[in-house]
Amino acid sequence: MNLTYQPIIRDETRPYRTAVVKKADTDPLQEQASALPRQETIRWVGKRRKSTSLKKRKRKSLITRVILFAIALLFASSFLMPIVLTCANSFMQETEITSNYGVIFESLTQQEPAYWGEQKSFKSSYVSKSANLKFIPDMVTLKQYYTVLLQSPDYLLKFWNSVILVVPIVAGQVFIALAAAYCFTRFRSFKKEILFFAYVIMMLMPYQVTLVPNFLVTKWLGILDTRAAVILPGIFSTFSVFLLTKFMRRIPNGLIEAAELDGATEWQIFTRICIPLCKSAIASTAILVFIDYWNMVEQPLILLADQDKHPLSVFLSQINNGEVGLAFAVAVIYMIPTILIYLYGEEYLIDGISYSGGVKG
């Protein structure tokens, strides 16, 4: 059967209703395919139709990708706008920052009228006027960074307070979570499943629910107003145990059974099989825990009465109206560790979350 294309034309000599449609005398496809054999003609026409459909599909996929890229770019720009504004404002002069954002800070420091014998109190009110958002400063200055890094040691002291509090929490929480996750994975029973379910319930509770019990326990232990009051509850957090347990249960049982047949002990299975296979999960857990406790505010405010022991996150939550430029500079310095850790461990973070088990061959 000849499947070549034959266009048809209308006979113009007759009226429209009685017109007869006849075949065209000249057919470009027929002329090009006449010199080919019958099977080659069918293949040539089929390839041409496939090429046109393939071009349409590519065009549709290109339009879809452009639309999705525009949506992703819109969301990315909206998420990055606060960071860009913070970095730009850190290089502005104090007078320029006050003229751009003075409306916001004036609304946050309004005084309530006081009665006789009472002190005036401050309250925050609704910002009725819009602030002037500027991405490019009129005059670039490094005065804020010079003041923060060289003239005022208080900000650097609070930065190192954050490091002293967060690093032991991350290291201790990962170590304890690894041991607990191995026990929940290897020695499974009904009682341990109930305990693991209790871990999950504790993880779902916000910190404000357990704040009063933590305060009472630290006061009973005599470690209130010390760094241990913040470090010890952070070490025994339940999030890392849950994440590492779910990850470690994806390890194939055949590997552990083969190690047991070779005479490996529990310590050797833990150190030579489970920990190497959980490297990405350990890295992702450490990154998430670091970011969480690097931004903590409630724990040091409640458990540390001495302001010299407060981390840098507490200072950022107590912005003074006269030190707005310093606050922007401190915020930029405050973001550097988290950004560097995320950029360094991005692959580990993605692998630890999307790991589906098995061994890479």
Protein backbone atom coordinates (compact mmCIF):
# COMPACT_ATOMS: atom_id res chain seq x y z
CA MET A 1 0.00 0.00 0.00
CA ASN A 2 1.33 3.41 -1.01
CA LEU A 3 1.17 5.74 2.00
CA THR A 4 2.42 8.84 0.22
CA TYR A 5 0.73 12.13 0.84
CA GLN A 6 -1.70 13.31 -1.92
CA PRO A 7 -3.16 16.80 -1.41
CA ILE A 8 -6.60 17.60 -2.81
CA ILE A 9 -7.92 20.81 -4.33
CA ARG A 10 -11.39 22.19 -5.05
CA ASP A 11 -12.82 22.46 -8.61
CA GLU A 12 -13.45 26.19 -9.10
CA THR A 13 -15.58 25.73 -12.27
CA ARG A 14 -18.63 24.51 -10.31
CA PRO A 15 -20.75 26.24 -7.65
CA TYR A 16 -19.77 25.88 -4.04
CA ARG A 17 -22.49 23.35 -3.09
CA THR A 18 -21.96 21.15 -6.17
CA ALA A 19 -18.21 21.55 -6.33
CA VAL A 20 -16.19 18.41 -6.86
CA VAL A 21 -12.92 17.91 -5.07
CA LYS A 22 -10.21 16.45 -7.22
CA LYS A 23 -6.66 15.45 -6.66
CA ALA A 24 -3.84 17.84 -7.39
CA ASP A 25 -1.81 17.30 -10.48
CA THR A 26 1.50 18.04 -8.81
CA ASP A 27 2.53 16.51 -5.51
CA PRO A 28 5.87 17.59 -4.02
CA LEU A 29 6.10 14.56 -1.78
CA GLN A 30 5.22 12.26 -4.65
CA GLU A 31 7.89 13.81 -6.86
CA GLN A 32 10.55 13.44 -4.15
CA ALA A 33 9.53 9.87 -3.34
CA SER A 34 8.95 8.68 -6.93
CA ALA A 35 12.60 7.88 -7.43
CA LEU A 36 12.65 5.69 -4.30
CA PRO A 37 11.42 2.09 -3.98
CA ARG A 38 8.09 1.40 -2.35
CA GLN A 39 9.44 0.43 1.10
CA GLU A 40 11.89 3.33 1.12
CA THR A 41 9.03 5.72 0.33
CA ILE A 42 7.04 4.51 3.32
CA ARG A 43 10.07 4.86 5.61
CA TRP A 44 10.89 8.36 4.33
CA VAL A 45 7.34 9.67 4.86
CA GLY A 46 7.15 8.08 8.32
CA LYS A 47 10.45 9.65 9.38
CA ARG A 48 9.27 13.04 8.21
CA ARG A 49 6.06 12.79 10.24
CA LYS A 50 8.01 11.68 13.30
CA SER A 51 10.42 14.59 12.95
CA THR A 52 7.55 17.13 12.88
CA SER A 53 5.92 15.57 15.98
CA LEU A 54 9.29 15.50 17.73
CA LYS A 55 9.79 19.20 17.03
CA LYS A 56 6.36 19.99 18.52
CA ARG A 57 7.17 18.02 21.65
CA LYS A 58 10.51 19.79 22.04
CA ARG A 59 8.82 23.14 21.62
CA LYS A 60 6.22 22.31 24.30
CA SER A 61 8.87 21.03 26.69
CA LEU A 62 10.95 24.17 26.14
CA ILE A 63 7.95 26.41 26.93
CA THR A 64 7.21 24.36 30.06
CA ARG A 65 10.81 24.60 31.25
CA VAL A 66 10.84 28.37 30.68
CA ILE A 67 7.66 28.80 32.73
CA LEU A 68 8.95 26.61 35.56
CA PHE A 69 12.29 28.46 35.55
CA ALA A 70 10.49 31.81 35.80
CA ILE A 71 8.42 30.56 38.77
CA ALA A 72 11.52 29.16 40.51
CA LEU A 73 13.39 32.41 39.87
CA LEU A 74 10.52 34.39 41.40
CA PHE A 75 10.50 32.28 44.56
CA ALA A 76 14.31 32.29 44.81
CA SER A 77 14.48 36.07 44.49
CA SER A 78 11.78 36.52 47.15
CA PHE A 79 13.67 34.23 49.54
CA LEU A 80 17.05 35.86 48.87
CA MET A 81 15.77 39.44 49.12
CA PRO A 82 16.16 39.71 52.94
CA ILE A 83 19.75 38.44 52.74
CA VAL A 84 20.62 40.85 49.93
CA LEU A 85 19.03 43.74 51.83
CA THR A 86 20.94 42.85 54.99
CA CYS A 87 24.27 42.73 53.15
CA ALA A 88 23.54 46.02 51.35
CA ASN A 89 22.42 47.82 54.51
CA SER A 90 25.52 46.71 56.37
CA PHE A 91 27.56 49.01 54.10
CA MET A 92 25.29 52.04 54.57
CA GLN A 93 25.88 54.96 56.87
CA GLU A 94 23.85 55.29 60.04
CA THR A 95 22.01 58.39 58.78
CA GLU A 96 20.97 56.63 55.58
CA ILE A 97 19.72 53.60 57.48
CA THR A 98 17.72 55.83 59.83
CA SER A 99 16.14 57.70 56.92
CA ASN A 100 15.19 54.44 55.18
CA TYR A 101 14.02 52.34 58.15
CA GLY A 102 13.42 54.91 60.88
CA VAL A 103 9.67 54.48 60.54
CA ILE A 104 9.89 50.84 61.63
CA PHE A 105 12.08 51.44 64.67
CA GLU A 106 10.05 54.44 65.78
CA SER A 107 6.91 52.29 65.81
CA LEU A 108 8.70 49.66 67.90
CA THR A 109 9.67 52.19 70.59
CA GLN A 110 6.45 54.09 71.20
CA GLN A 111 5.65 54.94 74.79
CA GLU A 112 2.35 54.27 76.51
CA PRO A 113 0.92 57.06 78.69
CA ALA A 114 1.68 56.40 82.37
CA TYR A 115 -0.62 57.03 85.28
CA TRP A 116 0.36 58.70 88.52
CA GLY A 117 3.24 56.88 90.21
CA GLU A 118 3.73 54.45 87.30
CA GLN A 119 6.61 54.24 84.91
CA LYS A 120 6.15 54.63 81.20
CA SER A 121 6.13 51.38 79.26
CA PHE A 122 7.09 50.69 75.71
CA LYS A 123 5.00 48.80 73.22
CA SER A 124 5.16 47.84 69.57
CA SER A 125 2.53 49.15 67.20
CA TYR A 126 1.47 48.59 63.64
CA VAL A 127 3.73 50.13 61.00
CA SER A 128 1.42 52.39 59.02
CA LYS A 129 4.09 53.83 56.75
CA SER A 130 6.23 51.87 54.32
CA ALA A 131 10.00 51.74 54.58
CA ASN A 132 12.36 52.66 51.79
CA LEU A 133 14.08 49.48 50.60
CA LYS A 134 17.43 50.21 48.94
CA PHE A 135 19.75 47.62 47.46
CA ILE A 136 22.56 50.05 46.59
CA PRO A 137 23.86 52.43 49.30
CA ASP A 138 24.47 56.07 48.46
CA MET A 139 27.89 55.96 50.07
CA VAL A 140 29.67 52.71 50.94
CA THR A 141 31.25 52.61 54.39
CA LEU A 142 32.99 49.95 56.49
CA LYS A 143 32.51 51.74 59.78
CA GLN A 144 30.09 49.16 61.14
CA TYR A 145 32.47 46.26 60.46
CA TYR A 146 35.37 48.23 61.92
CA THR A 147 33.36 48.90 65.08
CA VAL A 148 32.19 45.30 65.40
CA LEU A 149 35.50 43.57 64.69
CA LEU A 150 38.04 45.98 66.21
CA GLN A 151 36.52 48.57 68.52
CA SER A 152 33.84 46.63 70.39
CA PRO A 153 34.85 43.21 71.76
CA ASP A 154 31.32 42.47 73.04
CA TYR A 155 30.07 41.28 69.65
CA LEU A 156 33.01 38.96 69.08
CA LEU A 157 32.59 37.66 72.63
CA LYS A 158 28.98 36.76 71.88
CA PHE A 159 30.05 35.15 68.60
CA TRP A 160 32.45 32.86 70.47
CA ASN A 161 29.74 32.21 73.04
CA SER A 162 27.63 30.85 70.18
CA VAL A 163 30.50 28.62 69.06
CA ILE A 164 31.13 27.35 72.60
CA LEU A 165 27.46 26.46 73.01
CA VAL A 166 26.70 24.98 69.59
CA VAL A 167 29.77 22.84 68.85
CA PRO A 168 29.45 20.60 71.96
CA ILE A 169 25.72 20.24 71.32
CA VAL A 170 26.28 19.08 67.74
CA ALA A 171 29.10 16.68 68.60
CA GLY A 172 27.35 15.19 71.64
CA GLN A 173 23.97 14.88 69.95
CA VAL A 174 25.40 13.07 66.92
CA PHE A 175 27.41 10.66 69.10
CA ILE A 176 24.48 9.77 71.37
CA ALA A 177 22.09 9.57 68.40
CA LEU A 178 24.38 7.09 66.62
CA ALA A 179 24.47 4.77 69.64
CA ALA A 180 20.73 5.03 70.21
CA ALA A 181 19.93 4.51 66.53
CA TYR A 182 22.11 1.39 66.42
CA CYS A 183 20.31 -0.04 69.44
CA PHE A 184 16.88 0.71 67.97
CA THR A 185 17.96 -0.90 64.69
CA ARG A 186 19.73 -4.04 65.92
CA PHE A 187 17.77 -4.95 69.04
CA ARG A 188 14.15 -4.47 68.06
CA SER A 189 11.34 -5.44 70.42
CA PHE A 190 7.92 -4.25 71.42
CA LYS A 191 9.22 -2.23 74.38
CA LYS A 192 11.86 -0.53 72.24
CA GLU A 193 9.23 0.34 69.63
CA ILE A 194 7.16 2.01 72.35
CA LEU A 195 10.24 3.95 73.47
CA PHE A 196 10.96 4.97 69.88
CA PHE A 197 7.36 6.13 69.51
CA ALA A 198 7.85 8.23 72.65
CA TYR A 199 10.92 9.73 70.99
CA VAL A 200 8.81 10.72 68.01
CA ILE A 201 6.18 12.33 70.26
CA MET A 202 8.89 14.28 72.07
CA MET A 203 10.28 15.45 68.74
CA LEU A 204 6.89 16.81 67.67
CA MET A 205 6.56 18.92 70.83
CA PRO A 206 7.85 22.50 70.57
CA TYR A 207 10.56 23.66 72.93
CA GLN A 208 8.16 25.98 74.77
CA VAL A 209 6.30 22.91 76.10
CA THR A 210 9.41 21.46 77.77
CA LEU A 211 10.90 24.81 78.80
CA VAL A 212 9.56 24.78 82.37
CA PRO A 213 10.62 21.14 83.07
CA ASN A 214 14.09 21.93 81.72
CA PHE A 215 14.31 24.95 83.98
CA LEU A 216 13.25 22.94 87.03
CA VAL A 217 15.67 20.08 86.28
CA THR A 218 18.64 22.39 85.70
CA LYS A 219 17.83 24.25 88.93
CA TRP A 220 17.62 20.93 90.81
CA LEU A 221 20.98 19.83 89.37
CA GLY A 222 22.57 23.13 90.35
CA ILE A 223 23.71 24.02 86.83
CA LEU A 224 21.36 26.96 86.28
CA ASP A 225 23.08 30.05 84.86
CA THR A 226 25.87 27.90 83.43
CA ARG A 227 26.57 26.81 79.87
CA ALA A 228 25.82 23.22 80.87
CA ALA A 229 22.17 24.20 81.34
CA VAL A 230 21.96 24.85 77.60
CA ILE A 231 24.38 22.17 76.38
CA LEU A 232 23.05 19.12 78.25
CA PRO A 233 19.38 19.37 77.11
CA GLY A 234 20.61 20.01 73.58
CA ILE A 235 22.81 16.91 73.56
CA PHE A 236 19.89 14.63 74.46
CA SER A 237 17.55 15.96 71.79
CA THR A 238 15.32 13.45 69.99
CA PHE A 239 15.54 14.75 66.42
CA SER A 240 18.91 13.16 65.62
CA VAL A 241 17.86 9.81 67.11
CA PHE A 242 14.76 9.68 64.92
CA LEU A 243 16.60 10.69 61.73
CA LEU A 244 19.54 8.31 62.17
CA THR A 245 17.30 5.41 63.20
CA LYS A 246 15.19 5.75 60.06
CA PHE A 247 18.36 5.95 57.98
CA MET A 248 20.13 3.03 59.66
CA ARG A 249 17.13 0.72 59.24
CA ARG A 250 17.55 1.03 55.47
CA ILE A 251 20.89 -0.76 55.59
CA PRO A 252 20.45 -4.28 54.09
CA ASN A 253 20.37 -7.04 56.70
CA GLY A 254 22.54 -9.19 54.43
CA LEU A 255 25.57 -7.03 55.17
CA ILE A 256 25.18 -7.41 58.92
CA GLU A 257 24.48 -11.15 58.67
CA ALA A 258 27.58 -11.62 56.50
CA ALA A 259 29.65 -9.75 59.08
CA GLU A 260 28.25 -11.95 61.86
CA LEU A 261 29.17 -15.09 59.88
CA ASP A 262 32.71 -13.75 59.57
CA GLY A 263 32.90 -13.42 63.35
CA ALA A 264 32.47 -9.64 63.68
CA THR A 265 31.46 -8.26 67.06
CA GLU A 266 28.77 -5.66 67.67
CA TRP A 267 31.38 -2.93 68.02
CA GLN A 268 32.97 -3.91 64.71
CA ILE A 269 29.58 -3.97 62.98
CA PHE A 270 28.81 -0.57 64.45
CA THR A 271 32.13 1.07 63.56
CA ARG A 272 32.98 -0.67 60.27
CA ILE A 273 29.58 -1.14 58.64
CA CYS A 274 26.92 1.16 60.09
CA ILE A 275 28.95 4.34 60.59
CA PRO A 276 30.64 4.27 57.12
CA LEU A 277 27.27 3.70 55.46
CA CYS A 278 25.70 6.51 57.50
CA LYS A 279 28.27 9.20 56.67
CA SER A 280 25.83 11.23 54.59
CA ALA A 281 23.14 10.93 57.27
CA ILE A 282 25.59 11.99 59.98
CA ALA A 283 26.66 15.02 57.94
CA SER A 284 23.07 16.05 57.18
CA THR A 285 22.10 15.61 60.84
CA ALA A 286 25.06 17.70 61.99
CA ILE A 287 24.18 20.48 59.52
CA LEU A 288 20.52 20.60 60.58
CA VAL A 289 21.36 20.52 64.28
CA PHE A 290 23.97 23.25 63.87
CA ILE A 291 21.55 25.54 62.05
CA ASP A 292 18.83 24.88 64.64
CA TYR A 293 20.95 25.63 67.70
CA TRP A 294 22.90 28.44 66.04
CA ASN A 295 19.60 30.33 65.92
CA MET A 296 18.40 29.48 69.44
CA VAL A 297 17.02 32.34 71.52
CA GLU A 298 14.71 30.93 74.22
CA GLN A 299 17.24 28.59 75.88
CA PRO A 300 19.91 31.17 76.74
CA LEU A 301 17.34 33.80 77.67
CA ILE A 302 15.67 31.53 80.23
CA LEU A 303 18.60 29.43 81.47
CA LEU A 304 21.42 32.01 81.41
CA ALA A 305 20.99 35.06 83.62
CA ASP A 306 24.47 36.39 82.88
CA GLN A 307 24.33 38.44 79.67
CA ASP A 308 28.05 37.90 79.06
CA LYS A 309 27.26 34.23 78.35
CA HIS A 310 24.51 34.96 75.83
CA PRO A 311 25.14 33.94 72.21
CA LEU A 312 25.01 36.22 69.21
CA SER A 313 21.47 35.18 68.34
CA VAL A 314 20.18 36.82 71.52
CA PHE A 315 21.82 40.10 70.54
CA LEU A 316 20.12 40.03 67.14
CA SER A 317 16.75 39.65 68.84
CA GLN A 318 17.42 42.76 70.95
CA ILE A 319 18.18 45.37 68.32
CA ASN A 320 18.75 48.82 69.73
CA ASN A 321 17.38 51.84 67.89
CA GLY A 322 20.73 53.62 68.03
CA GLU A 323 22.77 50.67 66.71
CA VAL A 324 20.86 49.58 63.64
CA GLY A 325 23.91 49.73 61.37
CA LEU A 326 25.88 47.57 63.81
CA ALA A 327 22.99 45.10 63.89
CA PHE A 328 23.14 44.70 60.10
CA ALA A 329 26.90 44.15 60.21
CA VAL A 330 26.57 41.61 63.02
CA ALA A 331 23.81 39.85 61.07
CA VAL A 332 26.14 39.43 58.07
CA ILE A 333 28.87 38.02 60.31
CA TYR A 334 26.26 35.80 61.95
CA MET A 335 25.19 34.31 58.59
CA ILE A 336 28.71 33.40 57.40
CA PRO A 337 29.17 30.11 59.37
CA THR A 338 25.79 28.69 58.36
CA ILE A 339 26.29 29.60 54.69
CA LEU A 340 29.78 28.06 54.61
CA ILE A 341 28.63 24.88 56.33
CA TYR A 342 25.70 24.53 53.95
CA LEU A 343 27.83 25.09 50.85
CA TYR A 344 30.41 22.58 52.08
CA GLY A 345 27.91 19.90 53.07
CA GLU A 346 25.19 20.40 50.48
CA GLU A 347 25.86 17.07 48.76
CA TYR A 348 25.92 15.21 52.09
CA LEU A 349 22.68 16.90 53.11
CA ILE A 350 20.89 15.85 49.92
CA ASP A 351 22.29 12.29 50.07
CA GLY A 352 21.34 11.91 53.70
CA ILE A 353 17.74 12.90 53.08
CA SER A 354 17.19 11.09 49.77
CA TYR A 355 19.07 7.86 50.57
CA SER A 356 16.98 4.79 49.78
CA GLY A 357 19.22 1.99 51.00
CA GLY A 358 21.52 -0.47 49.31
CA VAL A 359 25.16 -0.42 48.43
CA LYS A 360 26.61 1.44 45.51
CA GLY A 361 28.35 -0.95 43.19
